[in-house]
Amino acid sequence: MAFLSQISGVLWGGPLLVGFLAVGLYYSLRTGFFQIFGLPVWWKHTVGALFQRQKEEQGGVTQLQALSTALAATIGTGSVAGVAAAIFFGGPGTVFWMWMSALLGMMTGCAEKILAIQYREKDEKGQWRGGPMTYIQLGLKLRWLGCVYALLCVAETLVGGNLAQANSIATALERSVGLSPKVVGVVLAVVVSVVLMGGIRRVSRLSQLLVPVMAVIFIGGGVGVIAVNAQKLPLVMEQIVTYAFAPKAVVGGYSIGLALRYGVARGVFSNEAGVGMSAMAHACAQVEHPGKQGMWGIFEVFFATLVICTVTALVILTSGVYDPVAAQDMIAAGEIPREMLGSNLAASAFASLWGKAGEWMVTVSLTLFAFTSLVGAGYYGRRGVETLTKSPLVLGVYHVVFPLCVVAGAVGDLAAVWELVDLCNGLLAIPNLATLLLLSPVVLRTLNQWLKKK
């Protein structure tokens, strides 16, 4: 674990933080901060389009289904347990840098979705497929680099998209209803296998059904806690800004470096802007122009981080269950109570208003978040395998290994998993961020063409 922590620390200690923020800033500057000043445009073509009937056609899924699949895979335990852990270990300032990474990441997400549509292709069944491995291979003409991305994608889906999510579900259900992790793991493995066998259509339909439900439960409960504690919001906002920039001598054990590292890492894990995997779901969308799908890329980052993660953060910070000074003392002493760890901290915050019902809100939301993320990860991993080989045998092996990892994640002790998650995300981001810069002329030209038509 120490070795993984060191490697992850090197990656996220500077190079990747600069990379994520730099690519997002580059696209923001080149588009005149379209995510801010173009809000009426992208809002109209995303939220506005939700009220229009969308019909599935042969070879693809609707834009709403593509978004739901992408959100299902990104809004996982990182949006609840990950944000809670980031605040506890990095301080309130992590929220500020999470917001900044999301604000810039909205344009990174836009670029990824434009490239996903621009360079997608049809498989032998006539269905659209694409994503970073495809636009690396077709856009940059570098098949080997696309295969490297695909291999890293398979590894990440087995670790962050599988082990971590399965463990979160099993832990939550064991704590709430006393279900055996082994039973939970086996049932999960069977259900996930059945869903994945149906391909992108079955995954997208399930996601379209579950994403609104889990969002309403979580956001509704969270907004209630924030509203009751609204008088604390000015102090909380002051803490967020102060801890984001104050030197270590002023805020004790927390520092700017910790806030930046945890904030950007959690923001990236919650929306995947720069990592690129959600582009695989968007590549299947029925859309007449790549530029329009870019609008959904902006909305995806906005909703996953600036809405869901912000609700988690503000509930924790306004409810009074977390105190920065007390948290630093616990970290320094090396004695952290169970109720201050990850989802338990979020559950305590919700329970401050809703009581036992609040704990159930977190349990149900976390279970749905993790389950949909698990299913989405399975699809992404399958796409990675298909990029590496056309062998039905290898794909069959993956379909066996993935459910086995679900069971292992449910029953295992995953102390080192989050370090692996950050490591895998970091390695995935390297080729994707480089490709986004190299193909930026294509992205900017395509986006401008679509905006002129509108």
Protein backbone atom coordinates (compact mmCIF):
# COMPACT_ATOMS: atom_id res chain seq x y z
CA MET A 1 0.00 0.00 0.00
CA ALA A 2 2.86 2.37 0.79
CA PHE A 3 4.37 1.71 -2.65
CA LEU A 4 1.05 2.42 -4.40
CA SER A 5 0.64 5.55 -2.31
CA GLN A 6 4.09 6.79 -3.35
CA ILE A 7 3.45 6.26 -7.07
CA SER A 8 -0.01 7.82 -6.83
CA GLY A 9 1.47 10.70 -4.84
CA VAL A 10 4.05 11.40 -7.57
CA LEU A 11 1.39 11.36 -10.30
CA TRP A 12 -1.09 13.51 -8.44
CA GLY A 13 1.52 15.59 -6.62
CA GLY A 14 1.96 17.96 -9.55
CA PRO A 15 2.08 16.63 -13.13
CA LEU A 16 -1.50 15.38 -13.36
CA LEU A 17 -2.98 18.26 -11.38
CA VAL A 18 -1.36 20.65 -13.85
CA GLY A 19 -2.43 18.47 -16.79
CA PHE A 20 -6.12 18.32 -15.88
CA LEU A 21 -6.35 22.02 -15.06
CA ALA A 22 -4.23 23.06 -18.06
CA VAL A 23 -6.29 21.16 -20.65
CA GLY A 24 -9.53 22.45 -19.18
CA LEU A 25 -8.16 26.01 -19.07
CA TYR A 26 -6.89 25.73 -22.66
CA TYR A 27 -10.31 24.76 -24.01
CA SER A 28 -12.01 27.32 -21.78
CA LEU A 29 -9.81 30.13 -23.12
CA ARG A 30 -10.12 29.00 -26.75
CA THR A 31 -13.93 28.93 -26.49
CA GLY A 32 -14.25 32.13 -24.45
CA PHE A 33 -15.32 30.16 -21.36
CA PHE A 34 -18.27 28.75 -23.23
CA GLN A 35 -19.32 26.70 -20.17
CA ILE A 36 -20.18 30.03 -18.47
CA PHE A 37 -21.13 32.46 -21.23
CA GLY A 38 -22.70 29.80 -23.43
CA LEU A 39 -24.89 28.45 -20.62
CA PRO A 40 -28.19 29.31 -22.41
CA VAL A 41 -27.03 27.30 -25.43
CA TRP A 42 -25.86 24.12 -23.73
CA TRP A 43 -28.70 24.24 -21.19
CA LYS A 44 -31.26 24.48 -24.02
CA HIS A 45 -29.78 21.50 -25.87
CA THR A 46 -29.50 19.31 -22.76
CA VAL A 47 -32.08 20.02 -20.03
CA GLY A 48 -34.36 21.63 -22.61
CA ALA A 49 -34.15 18.54 -24.79
CA LEU A 50 -35.25 16.27 -21.93
CA PHE A 51 -38.84 17.32 -22.56
CA GLN A 52 -38.66 16.20 -26.19
CA ARG A 53 -39.56 12.61 -27.00
CA GLN A 54 -36.50 10.63 -28.10
CA LYS A 55 -36.89 7.40 -30.02
CA GLU A 56 -34.35 4.58 -30.11
CA GLU A 57 -33.05 3.74 -33.57
CA GLN A 58 -31.09 0.80 -34.89
CA GLY A 59 -27.40 1.08 -34.11
CA GLY A 60 -27.56 3.51 -31.22
CA VAL A 61 -29.24 4.76 -28.06
CA THR A 62 -30.96 8.06 -27.32
CA GLN A 63 -28.92 11.00 -26.06
CA LEU A 64 -30.67 10.77 -22.69
CA GLN A 65 -29.79 7.06 -22.44
CA ALA A 66 -26.17 7.83 -23.36
CA LEU A 67 -26.03 10.53 -20.67
CA SER A 68 -27.71 8.26 -18.11
CA THR A 69 -25.19 5.50 -18.83
CA ALA A 70 -22.29 7.92 -18.48
CA LEU A 71 -23.69 9.39 -15.26
CA ALA A 72 -24.46 5.91 -13.94
CA ALA A 73 -20.81 4.96 -14.38
CA THR A 74 -19.38 8.18 -12.95
CA ILE A 75 -21.74 8.91 -10.03
CA GLY A 76 -20.53 6.13 -7.76
CA THR A 77 -19.09 5.88 -4.29
CA GLY A 78 -16.70 8.71 -5.11
CA SER A 79 -19.63 11.13 -5.08
CA VAL A 80 -20.50 10.23 -1.48
CA ALA A 81 -17.77 8.28 0.31
CA GLY A 82 -15.00 9.80 -1.82
CA VAL A 83 -16.07 13.41 -1.18
CA ALA A 84 -16.47 12.73 2.55
CA ALA A 85 -12.99 11.18 2.73
CA ALA A 86 -11.50 14.07 0.73
CA ILE A 87 -12.95 16.65 3.12
CA PHE A 88 -11.79 14.73 6.19
CA PHE A 89 -8.21 14.17 4.99
CA GLY A 90 -7.78 17.28 2.82
CA GLY A 91 -9.87 19.86 4.68
CA PRO A 92 -12.78 22.09 3.58
CA GLY A 93 -10.53 23.63 0.91
CA THR A 94 -10.85 20.46 -1.18
CA VAL A 95 -14.37 21.58 -2.10
CA PHE A 96 -13.05 24.76 -3.75
CA TRP A 97 -10.56 22.87 -5.91
CA MET A 98 -13.20 20.26 -6.73
CA TRP A 99 -15.36 23.12 -8.04
CA MET A 100 -12.49 24.63 -10.03
CA SER A 101 -11.56 21.30 -11.61
CA ALA A 102 -15.22 20.74 -12.54
CA LEU A 103 -15.63 24.24 -13.98
CA LEU A 104 -12.64 23.74 -16.27
CA GLY A 105 -13.46 20.06 -16.74
CA MET A 106 -16.80 20.98 -18.31
CA MET A 107 -14.95 21.98 -21.49
CA THR A 108 -12.66 18.96 -21.27
CA GLY A 109 -15.78 16.79 -21.14
CA CYS A 110 -17.21 18.68 -24.09
CA ALA A 111 -14.09 17.97 -26.15
CA GLU A 112 -14.13 14.26 -25.29
CA LYS A 113 -17.75 13.83 -26.40
CA ILE A 114 -17.17 15.72 -29.65
CA LEU A 115 -14.24 13.44 -30.47
CA ALA A 116 -16.24 10.36 -29.45
CA ILE A 117 -18.87 11.15 -32.10
CA GLN A 118 -16.41 12.49 -34.66
CA TYR A 119 -14.33 9.29 -34.72
CA ARG A 120 -16.84 6.58 -33.83
CA GLU A 121 -17.43 3.48 -35.95
CA LYS A 122 -19.95 0.65 -36.23
CA ASP A 123 -19.27 -2.87 -35.02
CA GLU A 124 -20.21 -6.10 -36.77
CA LYS A 125 -23.75 -5.83 -35.34
CA GLY A 126 -24.26 -2.36 -36.77
CA GLN A 127 -24.07 -0.58 -33.40
CA TRP A 128 -22.06 2.59 -32.82
CA ARG A 129 -18.95 2.36 -30.65
CA GLY A 130 -16.13 4.73 -29.83
CA GLY A 131 -14.28 6.49 -27.05
CA PRO A 132 -10.67 7.46 -26.30
CA MET A 133 -9.17 4.25 -27.71
CA THR A 134 -11.03 4.90 -30.98
CA TYR A 135 -10.26 8.59 -31.38
CA ILE A 136 -6.63 7.91 -30.46
CA GLN A 137 -6.41 5.24 -33.16
CA LEU A 138 -8.41 7.04 -35.87
CA GLY A 139 -7.56 10.64 -35.01
CA LEU A 140 -3.87 10.31 -34.16
CA LYS A 141 -3.32 7.11 -36.22
CA LEU A 142 -1.61 5.54 -33.21
CA ARG A 143 -3.08 2.06 -32.74
CA TRP A 144 -0.53 1.07 -30.12
CA LEU A 145 -1.45 4.04 -27.89
CA GLY A 146 -5.13 3.22 -28.26
CA CYS A 147 -4.36 -0.32 -27.12
CA VAL A 148 -2.43 1.02 -24.11
CA TYR A 149 -5.47 3.08 -23.14
CA ALA A 150 -7.74 0.06 -23.62
CA LEU A 151 -5.53 -2.08 -21.38
CA LEU A 152 -5.50 0.56 -18.64
CA CYS A 153 -9.27 0.91 -19.04
CA VAL A 154 -9.78 -2.81 -18.36
CA ALA A 155 -7.58 -2.54 -15.26
CA GLU A 156 -9.47 0.51 -13.95
CA THR A 157 -12.88 -1.08 -14.45
CA LEU A 158 -11.80 -4.12 -12.44
CA VAL A 159 -10.45 -1.94 -9.61
CA GLY A 160 -12.27 1.38 -9.26
CA GLY A 161 -15.35 0.40 -11.23
CA ASN A 162 -15.68 -3.03 -9.65
CA LEU A 163 -13.89 -3.82 -6.39
CA ALA A 164 -14.51 -0.42 -4.81
CA GLN A 165 -18.17 -0.23 -5.87
CA ALA A 166 -19.00 -3.82 -4.83
CA ASN A 167 -17.34 -3.29 -1.46
CA SER A 168 -19.31 -0.09 -0.86
CA ILE A 169 -22.61 -1.84 -1.61
CA ALA A 170 -21.79 -4.82 0.62
CA THR A 171 -20.58 -2.60 3.47
CA ALA A 172 -23.66 -0.38 3.31
CA LEU A 173 -26.12 -3.29 3.27
CA GLU A 174 -24.29 -5.15 6.04
CA ARG A 175 -24.38 -2.05 8.23
CA SER A 176 -28.03 -1.24 7.53
CA VAL A 177 -29.80 -4.59 7.29
CA GLY A 178 -27.19 -7.11 8.38
CA LEU A 179 -26.89 -8.86 5.00
CA SER A 180 -23.85 -11.11 4.58
CA PRO A 181 -21.26 -9.55 2.22
CA LYS A 182 -20.82 -12.94 0.57
CA VAL A 183 -24.55 -13.14 -0.26
CA VAL A 184 -24.55 -9.56 -1.51
CA GLY A 185 -21.50 -10.28 -3.68
CA VAL A 186 -23.02 -13.37 -5.30
CA VAL A 187 -26.37 -11.69 -6.01
CA LEU A 188 -24.63 -8.61 -7.40
CA ALA A 189 -22.41 -10.75 -9.64
CA VAL A 190 -25.42 -12.55 -11.13
CA VAL A 191 -27.45 -9.38 -11.72
CA VAL A 192 -24.54 -7.48 -13.25
CA SER A 193 -23.73 -10.41 -15.55
CA VAL A 194 -27.33 -10.55 -16.82
CA VAL A 195 -27.40 -6.80 -17.49
CA LEU A 196 -24.04 -6.78 -19.28
CA MET A 197 -25.07 -9.67 -21.54
CA GLY A 198 -27.70 -7.35 -23.02
CA GLY A 199 -25.07 -4.93 -24.30
CA ILE A 200 -25.28 -1.14 -24.40
CA ARG A 201 -29.04 -1.07 -24.96
CA ARG A 202 -29.84 -2.99 -21.75
CA VAL A 203 -27.24 -1.01 -19.80
CA SER A 204 -28.62 2.32 -21.08
CA ARG A 205 -32.26 1.40 -20.34
CA LEU A 206 -31.43 0.38 -16.79
CA SER A 207 -29.39 3.56 -16.29
CA GLN A 208 -32.21 5.75 -17.64
CA LEU A 209 -34.53 4.17 -15.07
CA LEU A 210 -32.25 4.30 -12.00
CA VAL A 211 -30.30 7.56 -12.39
CA PRO A 212 -33.32 9.89 -11.86
CA VAL A 213 -34.48 7.84 -8.85
CA MET A 214 -31.14 7.92 -7.06
CA ALA A 215 -30.63 11.61 -7.88
CA VAL A 216 -34.04 12.61 -6.46
CA ILE A 217 -33.50 10.64 -3.22
CA PHE A 218 -30.02 11.98 -2.60
CA ILE A 219 -30.50 15.58 -3.70
CA GLY A 220 -33.88 15.87 -1.94
CA GLY A 221 -32.52 14.62 1.38
CA GLY A 222 -29.36 16.70 1.08
CA VAL A 223 -31.08 19.96 0.20
CA GLY A 224 -33.27 19.49 3.28
CA VAL A 225 -30.22 19.32 5.57
CA ILE A 226 -28.61 22.34 3.87
CA ALA A 227 -31.82 24.38 4.09
CA VAL A 228 -32.23 23.72 7.82
CA ASN A 229 -28.62 24.78 8.38
CA ALA A 230 -28.70 27.67 5.90
CA GLN A 231 -27.46 30.12 8.54
CA LYS A 232 -24.14 28.27 8.57
CA LEU A 233 -23.55 28.63 4.83
CA PRO A 234 -21.60 31.94 5.03
CA LEU A 235 -19.18 30.42 7.57
CA VAL A 236 -18.87 27.24 5.51
CA MET A 237 -18.08 29.21 2.35
CA GLU A 238 -15.47 31.18 4.28
CA GLN A 239 -13.90 27.91 5.47
CA ILE A 240 -13.87 26.49 1.93
CA VAL A 241 -12.01 29.51 0.54
CA THR A 242 -9.70 29.94 3.55
CA TYR A 243 -8.58 26.31 3.63
CA ALA A 244 -8.11 26.31 -0.13
CA PHE A 245 -5.39 28.99 0.00
CA ALA A 246 -4.21 29.40 3.59
CA PRO A 247 -0.67 28.16 4.40
CA LYS A 248 -0.26 25.15 6.68
CA ALA A 249 0.82 27.34 9.61
CA VAL A 250 -2.57 29.06 9.57
CA VAL A 251 -4.88 26.05 9.21
CA GLY A 252 -2.85 23.46 11.13
CA GLY A 253 -2.33 20.04 9.56
CA TYR A 254 -4.16 20.89 6.33
CA SER A 255 -2.38 22.64 3.47
CA ILE A 256 -2.94 24.09 0.01
CA GLY A 257 -1.22 21.05 -1.50
CA LEU A 258 -3.53 18.60 0.28
CA ALA A 259 -6.63 20.57 -0.66
CA LEU A 260 -5.55 20.79 -4.31
CA ARG A 261 -4.58 17.11 -4.52
CA TYR A 262 -7.74 15.73 -2.90
CA GLY A 263 -10.05 18.26 -4.53
CA VAL A 264 -8.92 17.68 -8.12
CA ALA A 265 -8.61 13.90 -7.66
CA ARG A 266 -12.15 13.58 -6.25
CA GLY A 267 -13.52 15.94 -8.89
CA VAL A 268 -11.94 13.87 -11.65
CA PHE A 269 -13.16 10.59 -10.15
CA SER A 270 -16.71 11.96 -9.88
CA ASN A 271 -16.99 13.22 -13.47
CA GLU A 272 -14.11 11.51 -15.36
CA ALA A 273 -13.41 14.66 -17.41
CA GLY A 274 -9.89 14.10 -18.71
CA VAL A 275 -9.96 10.37 -18.02
CA GLY A 276 -12.27 9.87 -20.98
CA MET A 277 -14.13 6.65 -20.19
CA SER A 278 -17.62 8.19 -20.21
CA ALA A 279 -17.02 9.11 -23.86
CA MET A 280 -17.60 5.42 -24.67
CA ALA A 281 -21.24 5.75 -23.63
CA HIS A 282 -21.72 9.03 -25.50
CA ALA A 283 -20.25 7.50 -28.68
CA CYS A 284 -23.38 5.31 -28.92
CA ALA A 285 -25.78 8.27 -28.97
CA GLN A 286 -28.10 9.01 -31.88
CA VAL A 287 -27.07 12.56 -32.75
CA GLU A 288 -26.79 14.45 -36.01
CA HIS A 289 -23.67 16.49 -35.12
CA PRO A 290 -20.71 15.95 -32.74
CA GLY A 291 -21.08 19.50 -31.43
CA LYS A 292 -24.49 18.76 -29.97
CA GLN A 293 -23.13 15.79 -28.02
CA GLY A 294 -20.47 18.11 -26.64
CA MET A 295 -23.26 19.99 -24.84
CA TRP A 296 -24.15 16.79 -22.98
CA GLY A 297 -20.49 16.49 -22.01
CA ILE A 298 -20.69 19.90 -20.34
CA PHE A 299 -23.91 19.01 -18.55
CA GLU A 300 -22.53 15.67 -17.37
CA VAL A 301 -19.64 17.29 -15.49
CA PHE A 302 -21.95 20.00 -14.14
CA PHE A 303 -24.42 17.49 -12.73
CA ALA A 304 -21.95 14.87 -11.47
CA THR A 305 -19.70 17.28 -9.56
CA LEU A 306 -21.25 20.74 -9.23
CA VAL A 307 -24.58 19.23 -8.15
CA ILE A 308 -24.17 15.75 -6.60
CA CYS A 309 -20.73 16.23 -5.02
CA THR A 310 -21.59 19.74 -3.85
CA VAL A 311 -24.68 18.42 -2.06
CA THR A 312 -22.51 15.84 -0.28
CA ALA A 313 -19.93 18.45 0.71
CA LEU A 314 -22.36 21.08 1.96
CA VAL A 315 -24.40 18.55 3.94
CA ILE A 316 -21.24 17.44 5.77
CA LEU A 317 -19.93 20.97 6.35
CA THR A 318 -23.23 22.53 7.47
CA SER A 319 -24.56 19.69 9.64
CA GLY A 320 -21.84 20.02 12.28
CA VAL A 321 -20.73 16.36 12.20
CA TYR A 322 -17.30 17.43 10.91
CA ASP A 323 -14.93 19.89 12.56
CA PRO A 324 -11.58 20.69 10.84
CA VAL A 325 -9.60 21.07 14.08
CA ALA A 326 -10.95 17.86 15.61
CA ALA A 327 -10.32 16.00 12.35
CA GLN A 328 -6.68 17.13 12.29
CA ASP A 329 -6.21 15.91 15.87
CA MET A 330 -7.62 12.49 14.91
CA ILE A 331 -5.35 12.25 11.87
CA ALA A 332 -2.31 13.28 13.90
CA ALA A 333 -3.14 10.71 16.59
CA GLY A 334 -3.76 8.00 13.99
CA GLU A 335 -7.08 7.18 15.65
CA ILE A 336 -10.02 7.85 13.35
CA PRO A 337 -13.45 6.68 14.58
CA ARG A 338 -15.45 4.53 12.18
CA GLU A 339 -18.23 7.12 11.99
CA MET A 340 -15.80 9.65 10.47
CA LEU A 341 -14.81 7.42 7.56
CA GLY A 342 -16.30 7.90 4.09
CA SER A 343 -19.97 7.02 3.75
CA ASN A 344 -20.38 6.82 7.53
CA LEU A 345 -19.57 10.54 7.80
CA ALA A 346 -22.12 11.33 5.08
CA ALA A 347 -24.72 9.13 6.79
CA SER A 348 -24.16 10.94 10.09
CA ALA A 349 -24.64 14.28 8.33
CA PHE A 350 -27.95 13.19 6.76
CA ALA A 351 -29.07 11.68 10.09
CA SER A 352 -28.55 15.05 11.81
CA LEU A 353 -31.90 16.08 10.31
CA TRP A 354 -33.64 12.94 9.12
CA GLY A 355 -32.56 10.55 11.87
CA LYS A 356 -32.56 6.87 10.89
CA ALA A 357 -34.32 7.80 7.65
CA GLY A 358 -31.27 9.93 6.77
CA GLU A 359 -28.98 6.94 7.16
CA TRP A 360 -31.29 5.00 4.87
CA MET A 361 -31.17 7.81 2.29
CA VAL A 362 -27.41 7.48 2.14
CA THR A 363 -27.55 3.67 2.12
CA VAL A 364 -30.10 3.52 -0.71
CA SER A 365 -28.40 6.28 -2.71
CA LEU A 366 -24.96 4.78 -2.23
CA THR A 367 -26.20 1.34 -3.22
CA LEU A 368 -27.85 2.66 -6.38
CA PHE A 369 -24.85 4.89 -7.19
CA ALA A 370 -22.43 2.01 -6.78
CA PHE A 371 -24.60 -0.51 -8.64
CA THR A 372 -25.10 1.67 -11.70
CA SER A 373 -21.39 2.54 -11.64
CA LEU A 374 -20.62 -1.18 -11.50
CA VAL A 375 -22.76 -1.88 -14.56
CA GLY A 376 -21.30 1.05 -16.49
CA ALA A 377 -17.76 -0.05 -15.64
CA GLY A 378 -18.54 -3.53 -16.94
CA TYR A 379 -19.52 -2.06 -20.31
CA TYR A 380 -16.40 0.12 -20.47
CA GLY A 381 -14.18 -2.84 -19.62
CA ARG A 382 -15.84 -4.89 -22.34
CA ARG A 383 -15.10 -2.13 -24.85
CA GLY A 384 -11.49 -2.15 -23.73
CA VAL A 385 -11.23 -5.90 -24.32
CA GLU A 386 -12.88 -5.59 -27.76
CA THR A 387 -10.28 -2.98 -28.71
CA LEU A 388 -7.42 -5.26 -27.71
CA THR A 389 -8.67 -8.45 -29.36
CA LYS A 390 -11.52 -9.86 -31.43
CA SER A 391 -11.23 -13.23 -29.72
CA PRO A 392 -14.58 -14.44 -28.30
CA LEU A 393 -12.59 -16.55 -25.84
CA VAL A 394 -10.85 -13.53 -24.29
CA LEU A 395 -14.13 -11.64 -24.09
CA GLY A 396 -15.69 -14.70 -22.44
CA VAL A 397 -12.89 -14.76 -19.88
CA TYR A 398 -13.55 -11.10 -19.06
CA HIS A 399 -17.25 -11.88 -18.57
CA VAL A 400 -16.20 -14.48 -16.00
CA VAL A 401 -13.48 -12.42 -14.28
CA PHE A 402 -15.65 -9.31 -13.85
CA PRO A 403 -18.37 -11.07 -11.74
CA LEU A 404 -15.66 -12.87 -9.72
CA CYS A 405 -14.13 -9.47 -8.90
CA VAL A 406 -17.59 -8.33 -7.78
CA VAL A 407 -17.68 -11.16 -5.23
CA ALA A 408 -14.06 -10.50 -4.18
CA GLY A 409 -14.79 -6.81 -3.72
CA ALA A 410 -17.83 -7.50 -1.60
CA VAL A 411 -16.03 -9.77 0.88
CA GLY A 412 -12.47 -8.38 0.77
CA ASP A 413 -10.56 -5.84 2.84
CA LEU A 414 -9.92 -3.06 0.36
CA ALA A 415 -7.66 -0.72 2.30
CA ALA A 416 -5.46 -0.11 -0.74
CA VAL A 417 -8.20 0.08 -3.37
CA TRP A 418 -8.63 3.87 -3.37
CA GLU A 419 -4.90 4.27 -3.94
CA LEU A 420 -5.24 1.89 -6.90
CA VAL A 421 -8.23 3.86 -8.16
CA ASP A 422 -6.30 7.14 -8.18
CA LEU A 423 -3.32 5.40 -9.80
CA CYS A 424 -5.42 3.85 -12.60
CA ASN A 425 -7.27 7.12 -13.26
CA GLY A 426 -3.97 8.95 -13.40
CA LEU A 427 -2.43 6.51 -15.88
CA LEU A 428 -5.56 6.59 -18.05
CA ALA A 429 -5.54 10.38 -18.14
CA ILE A 430 -2.00 10.70 -19.53
CA PRO A 431 -2.69 9.48 -23.11
CA ASN A 432 -6.18 10.98 -23.12
CA LEU A 433 -5.10 14.48 -22.07
CA ALA A 434 -2.29 14.44 -24.64
CA THR A 435 -4.76 13.40 -27.35
CA LEU A 436 -7.21 16.14 -26.38
CA LEU A 437 -4.48 18.72 -26.93
CA LEU A 438 -3.25 17.21 -30.20
CA LEU A 439 -6.76 16.95 -31.63
CA SER A 440 -7.89 20.34 -30.30
CA PRO A 441 -8.03 21.87 -33.84
CA VAL A 442 -10.61 19.21 -34.78
CA VAL A 443 -12.64 19.84 -31.61
CA LEU A 444 -12.64 23.63 -31.93
CA ARG A 445 -13.47 23.56 -35.64
CA THR A 446 -16.34 21.10 -35.10
CA LEU A 447 -17.76 23.05 -32.16
CA ASN A 448 -17.60 26.36 -34.07
CA GLN A 449 -19.34 24.81 -37.07
CA TRP A 450 -22.21 23.59 -34.92
CA LEU A 451 -22.54 26.89 -33.03
CA LYS A 452 -22.72 28.84 -36.30
CA LYS A 453 -25.60 26.64 -37.46
CA LYS A 454 -27.42 27.34 -34.18
